[in-house]
Amino acid sequence: MTDRYAPAPSPTYRLIPSRFPPIGVFDTVATAADLSAVMDLAGWTNDRLVAERLARLPKAEWVYGRPNSSVVMAAFLHVAPGGRRFNSGDLGAWNAAAAMTTAAVEVAHHLRREAVARGEATLTRTYRSYLSSLTGDYLDIRGEQGARPGIYASDSYVASQALGESVRAAGDAGIIFDSLRHAGGINVAAHRPRNVLDVVQADHYDITVQAAAVRIEVKRLAAELVKP
């Protein structure tokens, strides 16, 4: 099978829990040396795992000195235990969707799993959204569920993480793939922070899920209702 490459959809949408406020450590510094000093002062490198991940990320890939740089870097340095579909726990990726609906369904899937694990009948969480542009050519595996069953496995990230980390090691931009949670939806895993451009914070949403049902409730919040 010959690999295909394609540009990422534009814009892409990413949802982040609003309980994790943006901290602009990376946004205003001008050099990598300044950034290291500011990170120490801000306590970013007090977390051993964050410090180890930063050491794995070449300085040429660090993003700083532009709006929402810290949001981008956090995606690579603050990683979910066990990683995500196309990144291990060693280093994160910028995971986004081609549509807000897909982004909402994706986070709702993980929220429902949390509700089940906690024994909660329903669970609501507030998220803030980010729009971004992704440069580069991405490994395009859309429509290849049959050819890549391990990559698209719904219950295992073993094969998909191996593919994602091989893409990262090769210096490639990332992967475009079909959403397993939203029929017809498209997701992107961007493996290079420098390729994540024009990041803009947009609306906040309350997302509510039920542990025993697939229904998802998404409510856009008015600006005055969003806590700083």
C-alpha atoms as a PDB file:
ATOM      1  CA  MET A   1       0.000   0.000   0.000  1.00  0.00           C
ATOM      2  CA  THR A   2       1.387   3.381  -1.023  1.00  0.00           C
ATOM      3  CA  ASP A   3       1.181   6.091   1.589  1.00  0.00           C
ATOM      4  CA  ARG A   4      -0.814   9.198   0.677  1.00  0.00           C
ATOM      5  CA  TYR A   5      -0.190  12.697   1.984  1.00  0.00           C
ATOM      6  CA  ALA A   6      -2.524  15.694   2.092  1.00  0.00           C
ATOM      7  CA  PRO A   7      -2.760  19.139   3.677  1.00  0.00           C
ATOM      8  CA  ALA A   8      -4.781  19.430   6.865  1.00  0.00           C
ATOM      9  CA  PRO A   9      -8.320  20.827   6.777  1.00  0.00           C
ATOM     10  CA  SER A  10      -8.523  24.515   7.631  1.00  0.00           C
ATOM     11  CA  PRO A  11      -9.411  25.637  10.160  1.00  0.00           C
ATOM     12  CA  THR A  12      -9.196  22.868  12.716  1.00  0.00           C
ATOM     13  CA  TYR A  13     -10.971  22.828  16.081  1.00  0.00           C
ATOM     14  CA  ARG A  14      -9.670  21.736  19.466  1.00  0.00           C
ATOM     15  CA  LEU A  15     -11.498  21.630  22.809  1.00  0.00           C
ATOM     16  CA  ILE A  16      -9.663  21.896  26.131  1.00  0.00           C
ATOM     17  CA  PRO A  17     -11.240  21.714  29.608  1.00  0.00           C
ATOM     18  CA  SER A  18     -11.705  25.256  30.891  1.00  0.00           C
ATOM     19  CA  ARG A  19     -10.567  24.155  34.350  1.00  0.00           C
ATOM     20  CA  PHE A  20      -7.027  24.232  32.914  1.00  0.00           C
ATOM     21  CA  PRO A  21      -6.557  27.994  32.423  1.00  0.00           C
ATOM     22  CA  PRO A  22      -4.110  29.177  29.752  1.00  0.00           C
ATOM     23  CA  ILE A  23      -0.809  30.316  31.276  1.00  0.00           C
ATOM     24  CA  GLY A  24       1.148  32.412  28.793  1.00  0.00           C
ATOM     25  CA  VAL A  25       4.669  31.335  29.685  1.00  0.00           C
ATOM     26  CA  PHE A  26       5.649  30.916  26.031  1.00  0.00           C
ATOM     27  CA  ASP A  27       3.702  33.781  24.516  1.00  0.00           C
ATOM     28  CA  THR A  28       5.897  36.820  25.137  1.00  0.00           C
ATOM     29  CA  VAL A  29       9.521  35.621  25.304  1.00  0.00           C
ATOM     30  CA  ALA A  30      11.826  36.272  22.368  1.00  0.00           C
ATOM     31  CA  THR A  31      14.501  33.559  22.587  1.00  0.00           C
ATOM     32  CA  ALA A  32      14.829  29.948  23.684  1.00  0.00           C
ATOM     33  CA  ALA A  33      17.254  31.021  26.412  1.00  0.00           C
ATOM     34  CA  ASP A  34      14.717  33.485  27.809  1.00  0.00           C
ATOM     35  CA  LEU A  35      12.069  30.788  27.624  1.00  0.00           C
ATOM     36  CA  SER A  36      14.105  28.352  29.725  1.00  0.00           C
ATOM     37  CA  ALA A  37      14.562  30.995  32.420  1.00  0.00           C
ATOM     38  CA  VAL A  38      10.880  31.961  32.428  1.00  0.00           C
ATOM     39  CA  MET A  39       9.795  28.320  32.582  1.00  0.00           C
ATOM     40  CA  ASP A  40      11.930  27.803  35.673  1.00  0.00           C
ATOM     41  CA  LEU A  41      10.409  30.867  37.343  1.00  0.00           C
ATOM     42  CA  ALA A  42       6.879  29.819  36.444  1.00  0.00           C
ATOM     43  CA  GLY A  43       7.415  26.297  37.728  1.00  0.00           C
ATOM     44  CA  TRP A  44       6.707  24.548  34.430  1.00  0.00           C
ATOM     45  CA  THR A  45       9.760  22.330  34.807  1.00  0.00           C
ATOM     46  CA  ASN A  46       9.016  21.404  38.429  1.00  0.00           C
ATOM     47  CA  ASP A  47       7.031  18.504  37.017  1.00  0.00           C
ATOM     48  CA  ARG A  48       9.576  15.790  36.199  1.00  0.00           C
ATOM     49  CA  LEU A  49       7.519  14.428  33.299  1.00  0.00           C
ATOM     50  CA  VAL A  50       7.124  17.887  31.746  1.00  0.00           C
ATOM     51  CA  ALA A  51      10.863  18.504  32.010  1.00  0.00           C
ATOM     52  CA  GLU A  52      11.597  15.133  30.399  1.00  0.00           C
ATOM     53  CA  ARG A  53       9.172  15.801  27.558  1.00  0.00           C
ATOM     54  CA  LEU A  54      10.637  19.243  26.934  1.00  0.00           C
ATOM     55  CA  ALA A  55      14.081  17.636  26.672  1.00  0.00           C
ATOM     56  CA  ARG A  56      12.712  15.254  24.011  1.00  0.00           C
ATOM     57  CA  LEU A  57      11.383  18.160  21.940  1.00  0.00           C
ATOM     58  CA  PRO A  58      14.140  19.780  19.846  1.00  0.00           C
ATOM     59  CA  LYS A  59      14.523  23.496  20.540  1.00  0.00           C
ATOM     60  CA  ALA A  60      13.879  24.147  16.845  1.00  0.00           C
ATOM     61  CA  GLU A  61      10.341  22.857  17.468  1.00  0.00           C
ATOM     62  CA  TRP A  62       9.635  25.053  20.500  1.00  0.00           C
ATOM     63  CA  VAL A  63       6.889  27.602  19.892  1.00  0.00           C
ATOM     64  CA  TYR A  64       7.181  30.969  21.631  1.00  0.00           C
ATOM     65  CA  GLY A  65       6.753  34.683  21.069  1.00  0.00           C
ATOM     66  CA  ARG A  66       3.326  34.479  19.441  1.00  0.00           C
ATOM     67  CA  PRO A  67      -0.249  34.388  20.791  1.00  0.00           C
ATOM     68  CA  ASN A  68      -1.320  31.112  22.413  1.00  0.00           C
ATOM     69  CA  SER A  69       2.153  29.576  22.144  1.00  0.00           C
ATOM     70  CA  SER A  70       1.654  28.158  25.639  1.00  0.00           C
ATOM     71  CA  VAL A  71      -1.534  26.405  24.541  1.00  0.00           C
ATOM     72  CA  VAL A  72       0.355  24.709  21.721  1.00  0.00           C
ATOM     73  CA  MET A  73       3.308  23.694  23.885  1.00  0.00           C
ATOM     74  CA  ALA A  74       1.015  22.390  26.611  1.00  0.00           C
ATOM     75  CA  ALA A  75      -0.447  19.909  24.109  1.00  0.00           C
ATOM     76  CA  PHE A  76       3.014  18.390  23.729  1.00  0.00           C
ATOM     77  CA  LEU A  77       4.211  18.639  27.337  1.00  0.00           C
ATOM     78  CA  HIS A  78       1.068  17.838  29.364  1.00  0.00           C
ATOM     79  CA  VAL A  79       0.059  14.404  28.113  1.00  0.00           C
ATOM     80  CA  ALA A  80      -2.789  12.120  29.143  1.00  0.00           C
ATOM     81  CA  PRO A  81      -1.570   9.002  30.980  1.00  0.00           C
ATOM     82  CA  GLY A  82      -0.876   6.371  28.369  1.00  0.00           C
ATOM     83  CA  GLY A  83      -0.961   8.927  25.540  1.00  0.00           C
ATOM     84  CA  ARG A  84      -3.566   9.292  22.811  1.00  0.00           C
ATOM     85  CA  ARG A  85      -4.246   7.409  19.592  1.00  0.00           C
ATOM     86  CA  PHE A  86      -1.185   8.679  17.697  1.00  0.00           C
ATOM     87  CA  ASN A  87       1.182   9.664  20.509  1.00  0.00           C
ATOM     88  CA  SER A  88       2.623   7.813  23.452  1.00  0.00           C
ATOM     89  CA  GLY A  89       2.930   9.239  26.935  1.00  0.00           C
ATOM     90  CA  ASP A  90       6.484  10.371  26.161  1.00  0.00           C
ATOM     91  CA  LEU A  91       5.416  13.406  24.113  1.00  0.00           C
ATOM     92  CA  GLY A  92       2.049  14.811  23.097  1.00  0.00           C
ATOM     93  CA  ALA A  93       0.557  16.034  19.827  1.00  0.00           C
ATOM     94  CA  TRP A  94      -1.901  18.725  18.747  1.00  0.00           C
ATOM     95  CA  ASN A  95      -5.104  16.718  18.264  1.00  0.00           C
ATOM     96  CA  ALA A  96      -7.858  18.611  16.459  1.00  0.00           C
ATOM     97  CA  ALA A  97     -10.902  18.059  14.268  1.00  0.00           C
ATOM     98  CA  ALA A  98     -12.081  19.441  10.945  1.00  0.00           C
ATOM     99  CA  ALA A  99     -15.423  20.475  12.501  1.00  0.00           C
ATOM    100  CA  MET A 100     -16.568  21.623  15.925  1.00  0.00           C
ATOM    101  CA  THR A 101     -19.181  18.855  16.007  1.00  0.00           C
ATOM    102  CA  THR A 102     -16.469  16.224  15.627  1.00  0.00           C
ATOM    103  CA  ALA A 103     -14.351  17.846  18.326  1.00  0.00           C
ATOM    104  CA  ALA A 104     -17.336  17.818  20.689  1.00  0.00           C
ATOM    105  CA  VAL A 105     -18.159  14.166  19.996  1.00  0.00           C
ATOM    106  CA  GLU A 106     -14.532  13.177  20.551  1.00  0.00           C
ATOM    107  CA  VAL A 107     -14.250  14.843  23.974  1.00  0.00           C
ATOM    108  CA  ALA A 108     -17.721  13.553  24.917  1.00  0.00           C
ATOM    109  CA  HIS A 109     -16.529   9.984  24.306  1.00  0.00           C
ATOM    110  CA  HIS A 110     -13.741  10.395  26.842  1.00  0.00           C
ATOM    111  CA  LEU A 111     -16.040  12.269  29.232  1.00  0.00           C
ATOM    112  CA  ARG A 112     -18.528   9.386  29.137  1.00  0.00           C
ATOM    113  CA  ARG A 113     -15.754   6.905  29.901  1.00  0.00           C
ATOM    114  CA  GLU A 114     -14.843   9.058  32.898  1.00  0.00           C
ATOM    115  CA  ALA A 115     -18.474   9.107  34.039  1.00  0.00           C
ATOM    116  CA  VAL A 116     -18.610   5.304  33.891  1.00  0.00           C
ATOM    117  CA  ALA A 117     -15.307   4.969  35.772  1.00  0.00           C
ATOM    118  CA  ARG A 118     -16.532   7.349  38.495  1.00  0.00           C
ATOM    119  CA  GLY A 119     -19.949   5.767  38.769  1.00  0.00           C
ATOM    120  CA  GLU A 120     -21.682   9.019  37.764  1.00  0.00           C
ATOM    121  CA  ALA A 121     -25.004   8.850  35.917  1.00  0.00           C
ATOM    122  CA  THR A 122     -24.273  12.142  34.144  1.00  0.00           C
ATOM    123  CA  LEU A 123     -21.232  14.343  33.890  1.00  0.00           C
ATOM    124  CA  THR A 124     -20.866  17.920  32.656  1.00  0.00           C
ATOM    125  CA  ARG A 125     -17.654  19.762  31.879  1.00  0.00           C
ATOM    126  CA  THR A 126     -16.901  23.167  30.437  1.00  0.00           C
ATOM    127  CA  TYR A 127     -14.488  23.407  27.510  1.00  0.00           C
ATOM    128  CA  ARG A 128     -12.941  26.297  25.630  1.00  0.00           C
ATOM    129  CA  SER A 129     -12.392  25.993  21.913  1.00  0.00           C
ATOM    130  CA  TYR A 130      -9.407  26.877  19.772  1.00  0.00           C
ATOM    131  CA  LEU A 131      -9.240  27.368  16.023  1.00  0.00           C
ATOM    132  CA  SER A 132      -5.926  26.812  14.259  1.00  0.00           C
ATOM    133  CA  SER A 133      -4.261  26.345  10.890  1.00  0.00           C
ATOM    134  CA  LEU A 134      -1.934  23.393  10.393  1.00  0.00           C
ATOM    135  CA  THR A 135       0.860  23.584   7.829  1.00  0.00           C
ATOM    136  CA  GLY A 136       2.630  20.635   6.233  1.00  0.00           C
ATOM    137  CA  ASP A 137       1.649  17.460   4.428  1.00  0.00           C
ATOM    138  CA  TYR A 138       0.018  14.821   6.613  1.00  0.00           C
ATOM    139  CA  LEU A 139      -0.083  11.059   6.231  1.00  0.00           C
ATOM    140  CA  ASP A 140      -3.643  10.561   5.019  1.00  0.00           C
ATOM    141  CA  ILE A 141      -5.204   7.311   6.220  1.00  0.00           C
ATOM    142  CA  ARG A 142      -8.834   8.296   5.684  1.00  0.00           C
ATOM    143  CA  GLY A 143     -10.920   5.443   4.287  1.00  0.00           C
ATOM    144  CA  GLU A 144      -8.318   2.843   5.311  1.00  0.00           C
ATOM    145  CA  GLN A 145     -10.069   1.202   8.248  1.00  0.00           C
ATOM    146  CA  GLY A 146     -10.083  -2.113   6.407  1.00  0.00           C
ATOM    147  CA  ALA A 147      -6.450  -1.865   5.371  1.00  0.00           C
ATOM    148  CA  ARG A 148      -5.260  -0.680   8.790  1.00  0.00           C
ATOM    149  CA  PRO A 149      -7.465  -2.472  11.365  1.00  0.00           C
ATOM    150  CA  GLY A 150      -4.896  -2.193  14.128  1.00  0.00           C
ATOM    151  CA  ILE A 151      -4.489   1.536  13.596  1.00  0.00           C
ATOM    152  CA  TYR A 152      -8.259   2.053  13.849  1.00  0.00           C
ATOM    153  CA  ALA A 153      -8.820  -0.403  16.715  1.00  0.00           C
ATOM    154  CA  SER A 154     -11.390   1.026  19.114  1.00  0.00           C
ATOM    155  CA  ASP A 155      -9.928  -0.735  22.157  1.00  0.00           C
ATOM    156  CA  SER A 156      -6.173  -0.421  21.679  1.00  0.00           C
ATOM    157  CA  TYR A 157      -3.649   2.297  20.865  1.00  0.00           C
ATOM    158  CA  VAL A 158      -0.695  -0.070  20.467  1.00  0.00           C
ATOM    159  CA  ALA A 159      -0.495  -0.052  16.660  1.00  0.00           C
ATOM    160  CA  SER A 160      -1.653   3.535  16.224  1.00  0.00           C
ATOM    161  CA  GLN A 161       0.863   4.927  18.719  1.00  0.00           C
ATOM    162  CA  ALA A 162       3.640   3.020  16.959  1.00  0.00           C
ATOM    163  CA  LEU A 163       2.580   4.604  13.660  1.00  0.00           C
ATOM    164  CA  GLY A 164       2.317   8.072  15.174  1.00  0.00           C
ATOM    165  CA  GLU A 165       5.730   7.902  16.790  1.00  0.00           C
ATOM    166  CA  SER A 166       7.276   6.614  13.558  1.00  0.00           C
ATOM    167  CA  VAL A 167       5.790   9.637  11.763  1.00  0.00           C
ATOM    168  CA  ARG A 168       7.273  11.915  14.417  1.00  0.00           C
ATOM    169  CA  ALA A 169      10.678  10.220  14.238  1.00  0.00           C
ATOM    170  CA  ALA A 170      10.713  10.627  10.447  1.00  0.00           C
ATOM    171  CA  GLY A 171      10.190  14.375  10.821  1.00  0.00           C
ATOM    172  CA  ASP A 172       6.782  14.309   9.128  1.00  0.00           C
ATOM    173  CA  ALA A 173       3.922  16.652  10.001  1.00  0.00           C
ATOM    174  CA  GLY A 174       1.403  14.176  11.389  1.00  0.00           C
ATOM    175  CA  ILE A 175      -1.650  12.121  10.437  1.00  0.00           C
ATOM    176  CA  ILE A 176      -5.127  12.812   9.044  1.00  0.00           C
ATOM    177  CA  PHE A 177      -7.632  10.104   9.961  1.00  0.00           C
ATOM    178  CA  ASP A 178     -11.312   9.245  10.200  1.00  0.00           C
ATOM    179  CA  SER A 179     -13.047   9.829  13.514  1.00  0.00           C
ATOM    180  CA  LEU A 180     -14.152   6.626  15.202  1.00  0.00           C
ATOM    181  CA  ARG A 181     -16.627   8.545  17.336  1.00  0.00           C
ATOM    182  CA  HIS A 182     -18.352  10.774  14.756  1.00  0.00           C
ATOM    183  CA  ALA A 183     -19.391   9.178  11.457  1.00  0.00           C
ATOM    184  CA  GLY A 184     -17.976  11.197   8.590  1.00  0.00           C
ATOM    185  CA  GLY A 185     -15.785  13.259  10.919  1.00  0.00           C
ATOM    186  CA  ILE A 186     -12.112  13.981  10.260  1.00  0.00           C
ATOM    187  CA  ASN A 187      -9.351  14.369  12.835  1.00  0.00           C
ATOM    188  CA  VAL A 188      -5.730  15.467  12.640  1.00  0.00           C
ATOM    189  CA  ALA A 189      -2.802  14.632  14.909  1.00  0.00           C
ATOM    190  CA  ALA A 190      -0.080  17.238  14.340  1.00  0.00           C
ATOM    191  CA  HIS A 191       3.309  16.090  15.617  1.00  0.00           C
ATOM    192  CA  ARG A 192       5.272  19.321  15.089  1.00  0.00           C
ATOM    193  CA  PRO A 193       4.473  22.337  17.302  1.00  0.00           C
ATOM    194  CA  ARG A 194       5.902  24.738  14.706  1.00  0.00           C
ATOM    195  CA  ASN A 195       3.222  23.649  12.232  1.00  0.00           C
ATOM    196  CA  VAL A 196       0.381  24.802  14.504  1.00  0.00           C
ATOM    197  CA  LEU A 197      -0.365  28.379  13.413  1.00  0.00           C
ATOM    198  CA  ASP A 198      -2.934  31.156  13.914  1.00  0.00           C
ATOM    199  CA  VAL A 199      -4.262  29.713  17.154  1.00  0.00           C
ATOM    200  CA  VAL A 200      -7.294  31.691  18.329  1.00  0.00           C
ATOM    201  CA  GLN A 201      -9.435  31.053  21.384  1.00  0.00           C
ATOM    202  CA  ALA A 202     -13.134  31.000  20.517  1.00  0.00           C
ATOM    203  CA  ASP A 203     -16.302  29.985  22.377  1.00  0.00           C
ATOM    204  CA  HIS A 204     -16.760  28.033  25.595  1.00  0.00           C
ATOM    205  CA  TYR A 205     -19.124  25.047  25.745  1.00  0.00           C
ATOM    206  CA  ASP A 206     -20.764  22.940  28.409  1.00  0.00           C
ATOM    207  CA  ILE A 207     -20.783  19.295  27.329  1.00  0.00           C
ATOM    208  CA  THR A 208     -23.010  16.836  29.192  1.00  0.00           C
ATOM    209  CA  VAL A 209     -22.967  13.062  28.775  1.00  0.00           C
ATOM    210  CA  GLN A 210     -24.849  10.152  30.296  1.00  0.00           C
ATOM    211  CA  ALA A 211     -23.020   7.033  31.380  1.00  0.00           C
ATOM    212  CA  ALA A 212     -25.727   4.720  30.032  1.00  0.00           C
ATOM    213  CA  ALA A 213     -26.706   6.557  26.817  1.00  0.00           C
ATOM    214  CA  VAL A 214     -25.048   7.917  23.702  1.00  0.00           C
ATOM    215  CA  ARG A 215     -26.861  11.258  23.799  1.00  0.00           C
ATOM    216  CA  ILE A 216     -24.587  14.306  24.023  1.00  0.00           C
ATOM    217  CA  GLU A 217     -25.747  17.763  25.076  1.00  0.00           C
ATOM    218  CA  VAL A 218     -23.600  20.670  23.910  1.00  0.00           C
ATOM    219  CA  LYS A 219     -24.392  24.191  25.086  1.00  0.00           C
ATOM    220  CA  ARG A 220     -22.478  27.258  23.905  1.00  0.00           C
ATOM    221  CA  LEU A 221     -21.947  29.640  26.807  1.00  0.00           C
ATOM    222  CA  ALA A 222     -22.514  33.363  26.632  1.00  0.00           C
ATOM    223  CA  ALA A 223     -19.354  35.363  27.311  1.00  0.00           C
ATOM    224  CA  GLU A 224     -20.645  36.747  30.594  1.00  0.00           C
ATOM    225  CA  LEU A 225     -21.270  33.226  31.918  1.00  0.00           C
ATOM    226  CA  VAL A 226     -17.704  32.046  31.396  1.00  0.00           C
ATOM    227  CA  LYS A 227     -15.576  32.223  34.512  1.00  0.00           C
ATOM    228  CA  PRO A 228     -12.078  33.681  33.939  1.00  0.00           C
END
